[in-house]
PDB file of all heavy atoms in Angstrom:
ATOM      1  N   PRO A   1     -40.696 287.630  12.543  1.00  0.00           N
ATOM      2  CA  PRO A   1     -39.843 288.760  12.152  1.00  0.00           C
ATOM      3  C   PRO A   1     -38.359 288.490  12.351  1.00  0.00           C
ATOM      4  O   PRO A   1     -37.529 288.932  11.567  1.00  0.00           O
ATOM      5  CB  PRO A   1     -40.329 289.906  13.047  1.00  0.00           C
ATOM      6  CG  PRO A   1     -41.012 289.236  14.193  1.00  0.00           C
ATOM      7  CD  PRO A   1     -41.617 287.990  13.627  1.00  0.00           C
ATOM      8  N   THR A   2     -38.017 287.740  13.387  1.00  0.00           N
ATOM      9  CA  THR A   2     -36.602 287.432  13.629  1.00  0.00           C
ATOM     10  C   THR A   2     -36.041 286.583  12.498  1.00  0.00           C
ATOM     11  O   THR A   2     -34.951 286.840  11.982  1.00  0.00           O
ATOM     12  CB  THR A   2     -36.444 286.697  14.965  1.00  0.00           C
ATOM     13  OG1 THR A   2     -36.948 287.520  16.020  1.00  0.00           O
ATOM     14  CG2 THR A   2     -34.981 286.384  15.227  1.00  0.00           C
ATOM     15  N   LYS A   3     -36.802 285.561  12.105  1.00  0.00           N
ATOM     16  CA  LYS A   3     -36.363 284.669  11.036  1.00  0.00           C
ATOM     17  C   LYS A   3     -36.182 285.425   9.737  1.00  0.00           C
ATOM     18  O   LYS A   3     -35.180 285.262   9.030  1.00  0.00           O
ATOM     19  CB  LYS A   3     -37.385 283.545  10.863  1.00  0.00           C
ATOM     20  CG  LYS A   3     -37.081 282.614   9.696  1.00  0.00           C
ATOM     21  CD  LYS A   3     -38.160 281.562   9.566  1.00  0.00           C
ATOM     22  CE  LYS A   3     -37.904 280.673   8.352  1.00  0.00           C
ATOM     23  NZ  LYS A   3     -38.966 279.653   8.189  1.00  0.00           N
ATOM     24  N   HIS A   4     -37.141 286.288   9.397  1.00  0.00           N
ATOM     25  CA  HIS A   4     -37.067 286.979   8.110  1.00  0.00           C
ATOM     26  C   HIS A   4     -36.026 288.099   8.118  1.00  0.00           C
ATOM     27  O   HIS A   4     -35.442 288.412   7.084  1.00  0.00           O
ATOM     28  CB  HIS A   4     -38.449 287.500   7.731  1.00  0.00           C
ATOM     29  CG  HIS A   4     -39.382 286.411   7.285  1.00  0.00           C
ATOM     30  ND1 HIS A   4     -39.487 286.024   5.971  1.00  0.00           N
ATOM     31  CD2 HIS A   4     -40.196 285.584   7.986  1.00  0.00           C
ATOM     32  CE1 HIS A   4     -40.348 285.026   5.872  1.00  0.00           C
ATOM     33  NE2 HIS A   4     -40.786 284.734   7.083  1.00  0.00           N
ATOM     34  N   THR A   5     -35.785 288.685   9.285  1.00  0.00           N
ATOM     35  CA  THR A   5     -34.695 289.650   9.388  1.00  0.00           C
ATOM     36  C   THR A   5     -33.366 288.958   9.165  1.00  0.00           C
ATOM     37  O   THR A   5     -32.472 289.482   8.479  1.00  0.00           O
ATOM     38  CB  THR A   5     -34.704 290.322  10.780  1.00  0.00           C
ATOM     39  OG1 THR A   5     -35.938 291.021  10.948  1.00  0.00           O
ATOM     40  CG2 THR A   5     -33.549 291.313  10.911  1.00  0.00           C
ATOM     41  N   LEU A   6     -33.234 287.750   9.728  1.00  0.00           N
ATOM     42  CA  LEU A   6     -32.015 286.968   9.566  1.00  0.00           C
ATOM     43  C   LEU A   6     -31.799 286.594   8.104  1.00  0.00           C
ATOM     44  O   LEU A   6     -30.686 286.670   7.587  1.00  0.00           O
ATOM     45  CB  LEU A   6     -32.091 285.709  10.431  1.00  0.00           C
ATOM     46  CG  LEU A   6     -30.807 284.898  10.594  1.00  0.00           C
ATOM     47  CD1 LEU A   6     -29.730 285.735  11.278  1.00  0.00           C
ATOM     48  CD2 LEU A   6     -31.084 283.637  11.395  1.00  0.00           C
ATOM     49  N   ILE A   7     -32.877 286.186   7.422  1.00  0.00           N
ATOM     50  CA  ILE A   7     -32.780 285.831   6.006  1.00  0.00           C
ATOM     51  C   ILE A   7     -32.363 287.031   5.174  1.00  0.00           C
ATOM     52  O   ILE A   7     -31.513 286.936   4.277  1.00  0.00           O
ATOM     53  CB  ILE A   7     -34.119 285.260   5.506  1.00  0.00           C
ATOM     54  CG1 ILE A   7     -34.406 283.910   6.175  1.00  0.00           C
ATOM     55  CG2 ILE A   7     -34.115 285.096   3.994  1.00  0.00           C
ATOM     56  CD1 ILE A   7     -35.770 283.349   5.871  1.00  0.00           C
ATOM     57  N   ALA A   8     -32.969 288.202   5.464  1.00  0.00           N
ATOM     58  CA  ALA A   8     -32.627 289.418   4.728  1.00  0.00           C
ATOM     59  C   ALA A   8     -31.172 289.803   4.955  1.00  0.00           C
ATOM     60  O   ALA A   8     -30.455 290.186   4.028  1.00  0.00           O
ATOM     61  CB  ALA A   8     -33.555 290.557   5.152  1.00  0.00           C
ATOM     62  N   ALA A   9     -30.724 289.689   6.219  1.00  0.00           N
ATOM     63  CA  ALA A   9     -29.330 290.019   6.536  1.00  0.00           C
ATOM     64  C   ALA A   9     -28.374 289.067   5.845  1.00  0.00           C
ATOM     65  O   ALA A   9     -27.302 289.472   5.367  1.00  0.00           O
ATOM     66  CB  ALA A   9     -29.114 289.984   8.045  1.00  0.00           C
ATOM     67  N   ALA A  10     -28.762 287.776   5.774  1.00  0.00           N
ATOM     68  CA  ALA A  10     -27.914 286.797   5.097  1.00  0.00           C
ATOM     69  C   ALA A  10     -27.808 287.108   3.613  1.00  0.00           C
ATOM     70  O   ALA A  10     -26.744 286.963   3.000  1.00  0.00           O
ATOM     71  CB  ALA A  10     -28.472 285.390   5.304  1.00  0.00           C
ATOM     72  N   GLY A  11     -28.922 287.542   3.018  1.00  0.00           N
ATOM     73  CA  GLY A  11     -28.893 287.926   1.607  1.00  0.00           C
ATOM     74  C   GLY A  11     -27.978 289.115   1.368  1.00  0.00           C
ATOM     75  O   GLY A  11     -27.224 289.145   0.388  1.00  0.00           O
ATOM     76  N   LEU A  12     -28.035 290.094   2.269  1.00  0.00           N
ATOM     77  CA  LEU A  12     -27.158 291.254   2.158  1.00  0.00           C
ATOM     78  C   LEU A  12     -25.701 290.844   2.313  1.00  0.00           C
ATOM     79  O   LEU A  12     -24.823 291.319   1.570  1.00  0.00           O
ATOM     80  CB  LEU A  12     -27.531 292.288   3.225  1.00  0.00           C
ATOM     81  CG  LEU A  12     -26.665 293.555   3.271  1.00  0.00           C
ATOM     82  CD1 LEU A  12     -26.747 294.307   1.949  1.00  0.00           C
ATOM     83  CD2 LEU A  12     -27.111 294.453   4.427  1.00  0.00           C
ATOM     84  N   ALA A  13     -25.426 289.949   3.263  1.00  0.00           N
ATOM     85  CA  ALA A  13     -24.054 289.473   3.461  1.00  0.00           C
ATOM     86  C   ALA A  13     -23.548 288.756   2.218  1.00  0.00           C
ATOM     87  O   ALA A  13     -22.389 288.913   1.816  1.00  0.00           O
ATOM     88  CB  ALA A  13     -24.000 288.541   4.672  1.00  0.00           C
ATOM     89  N   HIS A  14     -24.429 287.959   1.612  1.00  0.00           N
ATOM     90  CA  HIS A  14     -24.048 287.225   0.395  1.00  0.00           C
ATOM     91  C   HIS A  14     -23.688 288.194  -0.727  1.00  0.00           C
ATOM     92  O   HIS A  14     -22.682 288.000  -1.437  1.00  0.00           O
ATOM     93  CB  HIS A  14     -25.195 286.313  -0.026  1.00  0.00           C
ATOM     94  CG  HIS A  14     -24.899 285.515  -1.263  1.00  0.00           C
ATOM     95  ND1 HIS A  14     -24.092 284.399  -1.252  1.00  0.00           N
ATOM     96  CD2 HIS A  14     -25.280 285.691  -2.559  1.00  0.00           C
ATOM     97  CE1 HIS A  14     -23.993 283.901  -2.481  1.00  0.00           C
ATOM     98  NE2 HIS A  14     -24.712 284.663  -3.285  1.00  0.00           N
ATOM     99  N   GLU A  15     -24.493 289.233  -0.891  1.00  0.00           N
ATOM    100  CA  GLU A  15     -24.233 290.202  -1.958  1.00  0.00           C
ATOM    101  C   GLU A  15     -22.992 291.040  -1.674  1.00  0.00           C
ATOM    102  O   GLU A  15     -22.338 291.525  -2.601  1.00  0.00           O
ATOM    103  CB  GLU A  15     -25.452 291.118  -2.137  1.00  0.00           C
ATOM    104  CG  GLU A  15     -26.684 290.417  -2.683  1.00  0.00           C
ATOM    105  CD  GLU A  15     -26.422 289.775  -4.042  1.00  0.00           C
ATOM    106  OE1 GLU A  15     -25.749 290.407  -4.878  1.00  0.00           O
ATOM    107  OE2 GLU A  15     -26.869 288.631  -4.251  1.00  0.00           O
ATOM    108  N   THR A  16     -22.667 291.224  -0.410  1.00  0.00           N
ATOM    109  CA  THR A  16     -21.506 292.027  -0.040  1.00  0.00           C
ATOM    110  C   THR A  16     -20.204 291.346  -0.421  1.00  0.00           C
ATOM    111  O   THR A  16     -19.180 291.999  -0.661  1.00  0.00           O
ATOM    112  CB  THR A  16     -21.525 292.314   1.477  1.00  0.00           C
ATOM    113  OG1 THR A  16     -22.740 292.972   1.808  1.00  0.00           O
ATOM    114  CG2 THR A  16     -20.344 293.198   1.891  1.00  0.00           C
ATOM    115  N   ARG A  17     -20.214 290.018  -0.505  1.00  0.00           N
ATOM    116  CA  ARG A  17     -18.980 289.284  -0.821  1.00  0.00           C
ATOM    117  C   ARG A  17     -18.473 289.584  -2.224  1.00  0.00           C
ATOM    118  O   ARG A  17     -17.255 289.589  -2.452  1.00  0.00           O
ATOM    119  CB  ARG A  17     -19.198 287.779  -0.660  1.00  0.00           C
ATOM    120  CG  ARG A  17     -19.354 287.332   0.773  1.00  0.00           C
ATOM    121  CD  ARG A  17     -19.399 285.828   0.884  1.00  0.00           C
ATOM    122  NE  ARG A  17     -20.473 285.236   0.091  1.00  0.00           N
ATOM    123  CZ  ARG A  17     -20.748 283.941   0.073  1.00  0.00           C
ATOM    124  NH1 ARG A  17     -20.028 283.117   0.815  1.00  0.00           N
ATOM    125  NH2 ARG A  17     -21.738 283.461  -0.664  1.00  0.00           N
ATOM    126  N   ASN A  18     -19.372 289.836  -3.161  1.00  0.00           N
ATOM    127  CA  ASN A  18     -18.949 290.087  -4.553  1.00  0.00           C
ATOM    128  C   ASN A  18     -18.083 291.338  -4.684  1.00  0.00           C
ATOM    129  O   ASN A  18     -16.977 291.265  -5.237  1.00  0.00           O
ATOM    130  CB  ASN A  18     -20.173 290.162  -5.469  1.00  0.00           C
ATOM    131  CG  ASN A  18     -20.886 288.830  -5.571  1.00  0.00           C
ATOM    132  OD1 ASN A  18     -20.253 287.781  -5.492  1.00  0.00           O
ATOM    133  ND2 ASN A  18     -22.192 288.860  -5.739  1.00  0.00           N
ATOM    134  N   PRO A  19     -18.540 292.505  -4.190  1.00  0.00           N
ATOM    135  CA  PRO A  19     -17.651 293.677  -4.270  1.00  0.00           C
ATOM    136  C   PRO A  19     -16.375 293.522  -3.460  1.00  0.00           C
ATOM    137  O   PRO A  19     -15.327 294.063  -3.827  1.00  0.00           O
ATOM    138  CB  PRO A  19     -18.511 294.836  -3.741  1.00  0.00           C
ATOM    139  CG  PRO A  19     -19.642 294.200  -3.020  1.00  0.00           C
ATOM    140  CD  PRO A  19     -19.878 292.885  -3.670  1.00  0.00           C
ATOM    141  N   LEU A  20     -16.442 292.775  -2.361  1.00  0.00           N
ATOM    142  CA  LEU A  20     -15.234 292.533  -1.570  1.00  0.00           C
ATOM    143  C   LEU A  20     -14.210 291.735  -2.374  1.00  0.00           C
ATOM    144  O   LEU A  20     -13.005 292.006  -2.311  1.00  0.00           O
ATOM    145  CB  LEU A  20     -15.573 291.779  -0.283  1.00  0.00           C
ATOM    146  CG  LEU A  20     -16.131 292.602   0.871  1.00  0.00           C
ATOM    147  CD1 LEU A  20     -16.515 291.692   2.029  1.00  0.00           C
ATOM    148  CD2 LEU A  20     -15.135 293.657   1.338  1.00  0.00           C
ATOM    149  N   ASN A  21     -14.692 290.770  -3.154  1.00  0.00           N
ATOM    150  CA  ASN A  21     -13.784 289.996  -3.997  1.00  0.00           C
ATOM    151  C   ASN A  21     -13.126 290.876  -5.056  1.00  0.00           C
ATOM    152  O   ASN A  21     -11.960 290.668  -5.416  1.00  0.00           O
ATOM    153  CB  ASN A  21     -14.544 288.852  -4.671  1.00  0.00           C
ATOM    154  CG  ASN A  21     -14.885 287.742  -3.694  1.00  0.00           C
ATOM    155  OD1 ASN A  21     -14.200 287.557  -2.703  1.00  0.00           O
ATOM    156  ND2 ASN A  21     -15.967 287.020  -3.966  1.00  0.00           N
ATOM    157  N   ILE A  22     -13.867 291.860  -5.565  1.00  0.00           N
ATOM    158  CA  ILE A  22     -13.301 292.788  -6.539  1.00  0.00           C
ATOM    159  C   ILE A  22     -12.206 293.628  -5.884  1.00  0.00           C
ATOM    160  O   ILE A  22     -11.118 293.820  -6.451  1.00  0.00           O
ATOM    161  CB  ILE A  22     -14.402 293.699  -7.126  1.00  0.00           C
ATOM    162  CG1 ILE A  22     -15.391 292.854  -7.940  1.00  0.00           C
ATOM    163  CG2 ILE A  22     -13.790 294.791  -7.997  1.00  0.00           C
ATOM    164  CD1 ILE A  22     -16.594 293.638  -8.438  1.00  0.00           C
ATOM    165  N   VAL A  23     -12.501 294.130  -4.692  1.00  0.00           N
ATOM    166  CA  VAL A  23     -11.500 294.917  -3.951  1.00  0.00           C
ATOM    167  C   VAL A  23     -10.254 294.080  -3.696  1.00  0.00           C
ATOM    168  O   VAL A  23      -9.120 294.556  -3.867  1.00  0.00           O
ATOM    169  CB  VAL A  23     -12.094 295.418  -2.612  1.00  0.00           C
ATOM    170  CG1 VAL A  23     -11.009 296.053  -1.754  1.00  0.00           C
ATOM    171  CG2 VAL A  23     -13.216 296.402  -2.865  1.00  0.00           C
ATOM    172  N   ARG A  24     -10.452 292.832  -3.313  1.00  0.00           N
ATOM    173  CA  ARG A  24      -9.322 291.948  -3.039  1.00  0.00           C
ATOM    174  C   ARG A  24      -8.484 291.732  -4.296  1.00  0.00           C
ATOM    175  O   ARG A  24      -7.243 291.765  -4.251  1.00  0.00           O
ATOM    176  CB  ARG A  24      -9.834 290.595  -2.526  1.00  0.00           C
ATOM    177  CG  ARG A  24      -8.736 289.648  -2.067  1.00  0.00           C
ATOM    178  CD  ARG A  24      -9.331 288.308  -1.628  1.00  0.00           C
ATOM    179  NE  ARG A  24      -8.358 287.476  -0.930  1.00  0.00           N
ATOM    180  CZ  ARG A  24      -7.428 286.741  -1.511  1.00  0.00           C
ATOM    181  NH1 ARG A  24      -7.341 286.719  -2.841  1.00  0.00           N
ATOM    182  NH2 ARG A  24      -6.574 286.029  -0.791  1.00  0.00           N
ATOM    183  N   GLY A  25      -9.155 291.506  -5.413  1.00  0.00           N
ATOM    184  CA  GLY A  25      -8.439 291.291  -6.673  1.00  0.00           C
ATOM    185  C   GLY A  25      -7.627 292.502  -7.089  1.00  0.00           C
ATOM    186  O   GLY A  25      -6.474 292.368  -7.535  1.00  0.00           O
ATOM    187  N   LEU A  26      -8.210 293.685  -6.940  1.00  0.00           N
ATOM    188  CA  LEU A  26      -7.486 294.912  -7.298  1.00  0.00           C
ATOM    189  C   LEU A  26      -6.284 295.126  -6.384  1.00  0.00           C
ATOM    190  O   LEU A  26      -5.204 295.534  -6.839  1.00  0.00           O
ATOM    191  CB  LEU A  26      -8.436 296.110  -7.221  1.00  0.00           C
ATOM    192  CG  LEU A  26      -9.548 296.162  -8.278  1.00  0.00           C
ATOM    193  CD1 LEU A  26     -10.504 297.308  -7.988  1.00  0.00           C
ATOM    194  CD2 LEU A  26      -8.952 296.318  -9.674  1.00  0.00           C
ATOM    195  N   ALA A  27      -6.463 294.858  -5.096  1.00  0.00           N
ATOM    196  CA  ALA A  27      -5.361 295.013  -4.146  1.00  0.00           C
ATOM    197  C   ALA A  27      -4.229 294.048  -4.475  1.00  0.00           C
ATOM    198  O   ALA A  27      -3.041 294.404  -4.402  1.00  0.00           O
ATOM    199  CB  ALA A  27      -5.850 294.792  -2.720  1.00  0.00           C
ATOM    200  N   GLN A  28      -4.569 292.829  -4.868  1.00  0.00           N
ATOM    201  CA  GLN A  28      -3.552 291.856  -5.248  1.00  0.00           C
ATOM    202  C   GLN A  28      -2.798 292.300  -6.499  1.00  0.00           C
ATOM    203  O   GLN A  28      -1.571 292.136  -6.589  1.00  0.00           O
ATOM    204  CB  GLN A  28      -4.197 290.489  -5.476  1.00  0.00           C
ATOM    205  CG  GLN A  28      -4.552 289.742  -4.211  1.00  0.00           C
ATOM    206  CD  GLN A  28      -5.097 288.366  -4.505  1.00  0.00           C
ATOM    207  OE1 GLN A  28      -5.923 288.179  -5.390  1.00  0.00           O
ATOM    208  NE2 GLN A  28      -4.626 287.369  -3.772  1.00  0.00           N
ATOM    209  N   MET A  29      -3.522 292.858  -7.467  1.00  0.00           N
ATOM    210  CA  MET A  29      -2.890 293.342  -8.697  1.00  0.00           C
ATOM    211  C   MET A  29      -1.894 294.455  -8.392  1.00  0.00           C
ATOM    212  O   MET A  29      -0.785 294.475  -8.932  1.00  0.00           O
ATOM    213  CB  MET A  29      -3.955 293.839  -9.670  1.00  0.00           C
ATOM    214  CG  MET A  29      -4.804 292.746 -10.305  1.00  0.00           C
ATOM    215  SD  MET A  29      -6.108 293.424 -11.364  1.00  0.00           S
ATOM    216  CE  MET A  29      -5.119 294.385 -12.530  1.00  0.00           C
ATOM    217  N   ILE A  30      -2.293 295.366  -7.505  1.00  0.00           N
ATOM    218  CA  ILE A  30      -1.402 296.467  -7.139  1.00  0.00           C
ATOM    219  C   ILE A  30      -0.152 295.938  -6.449  1.00  0.00           C
ATOM    220  O   ILE A  30       0.981 296.353  -6.738  1.00  0.00           O
ATOM    221  CB  ILE A  30      -2.136 297.470  -6.234  1.00  0.00           C
ATOM    222  CG1 ILE A  30      -3.259 298.163  -7.020  1.00  0.00           C
ATOM    223  CG2 ILE A  30      -1.162 298.506  -5.670  1.00  0.00           C
ATOM    224  CD1 ILE A  30      -4.156 299.036  -6.166  1.00  0.00           C
ATOM    225  N   ALA A  31      -0.348 294.984  -5.532  1.00  0.00           N
ATOM    226  CA  ALA A  31       0.779 294.443  -4.766  1.00  0.00           C
ATOM    227  C   ALA A  31       1.782 293.723  -5.657  1.00  0.00           C
ATOM    228  O   ALA A  31       2.976 293.664  -5.342  1.00  0.00           O
ATOM    229  CB  ALA A  31       0.265 293.501  -3.681  1.00  0.00           C
ATOM    230  N   LYS A  32       1.316 293.166  -6.784  1.00  0.00           N
ATOM    231  CA  LYS A  32       2.185 292.399  -7.668  1.00  0.00           C
ATOM    232  C   LYS A  32       2.889 293.265  -8.717  1.00  0.00           C
ATOM    233  O   LYS A  32       3.762 292.779  -9.441  1.00  0.00           O
ATOM    234  CB  LYS A  32       1.374 291.304  -8.369  1.00  0.00           C
ATOM    235  CG  LYS A  32       0.900 290.198  -7.435  1.00  0.00           C
ATOM    236  CD  LYS A  32       0.075 289.159  -8.177  1.00  0.00           C
ATOM    237  CE  LYS A  32      -0.397 288.060  -7.240  1.00  0.00           C
ATOM    238  NZ  LYS A  32      -1.233 287.059  -7.944  1.00  0.00           N
ATOM    239  N   GLN A  33       2.516 294.522  -8.818  1.00  0.00           N
ATOM    240  CA  GLN A  33       3.136 295.389  -9.808  1.00  0.00           C
ATOM    241  C   GLN A  33       4.591 295.677  -9.444  1.00  0.00           C
ATOM    242  O   GLN A  33       4.960 295.745  -8.269  1.00  0.00           O
ATOM    243  CB  GLN A  33       2.366 296.713  -9.916  1.00  0.00           C
ATOM    244  CG  GLN A  33       1.007 296.581 -10.594  1.00  0.00           C
ATOM    245  CD  GLN A  33       0.310 297.916 -10.713  1.00  0.00           C
ATOM    246  OE1 GLN A  33       0.786 298.918 -10.208  1.00  0.00           O
ATOM    247  NE2 GLN A  33      -0.823 297.931 -11.394  1.00  0.00           N
ATOM    248  N   THR A  34       5.395 295.833 -10.443  1.00  0.00           N
ATOM    249  CA  THR A  34       6.806 296.151 -10.220  1.00  0.00           C
ATOM    250  C   THR A  34       6.998 297.664 -10.198  1.00  0.00           C
ATOM    251  O   THR A  34       6.269 298.408 -10.850  1.00  0.00           O
ATOM    252  CB  THR A  34       7.668 295.542 -11.332  1.00  0.00           C
ATOM    253  OG1 THR A  34       7.227 296.043 -12.602  1.00  0.00           O
ATOM    254  CG2 THR A  34       7.565 294.023 -11.317  1.00  0.00           C
ATOM    255  N   GLY A  35       7.952 298.092  -9.439  1.00  0.00           N
ATOM    256  CA  GLY A  35       8.286 299.508  -9.417  1.00  0.00           C
ATOM    257  C   GLY A  35       7.420 300.361  -8.524  1.00  0.00           C
ATOM    258  O   GLY A  35       7.546 301.581  -8.535  1.00  0.00           O
ATOM    259  N   ILE A  36       6.523 299.758  -7.740  1.00  0.00           N
ATOM    260  CA  ILE A  36       5.688 300.572  -6.853  1.00  0.00           C
ATOM    261  C   ILE A  36       6.387 300.740  -5.509  1.00  0.00           C
ATOM    262  O   ILE A  36       7.208 299.893  -5.110  1.00  0.00           O
ATOM    263  CB  ILE A  36       4.292 299.941  -6.646  1.00  0.00           C
ATOM    264  CG1 ILE A  36       4.413 298.579  -5.943  1.00  0.00           C
ATOM    265  CG2 ILE A  36       3.546 299.794  -7.953  1.00  0.00           C
ATOM    266  CD1 ILE A  36       3.069 298.006  -5.537  1.00  0.00           C
TER     267      ILE A  36
END
C-alpha cells in the first residue's frame, strides 16, 4: 500500500504541473503588459 500510494501521489503531482504552467504563463503575460 505504501508503494502504490506513492505512485498515485506521484501521478497527481505530475498532473498538477500542467495547470501550474498555465498559471505561470498567464502571470508572465500580465507582468509584460504595458500600462498596468
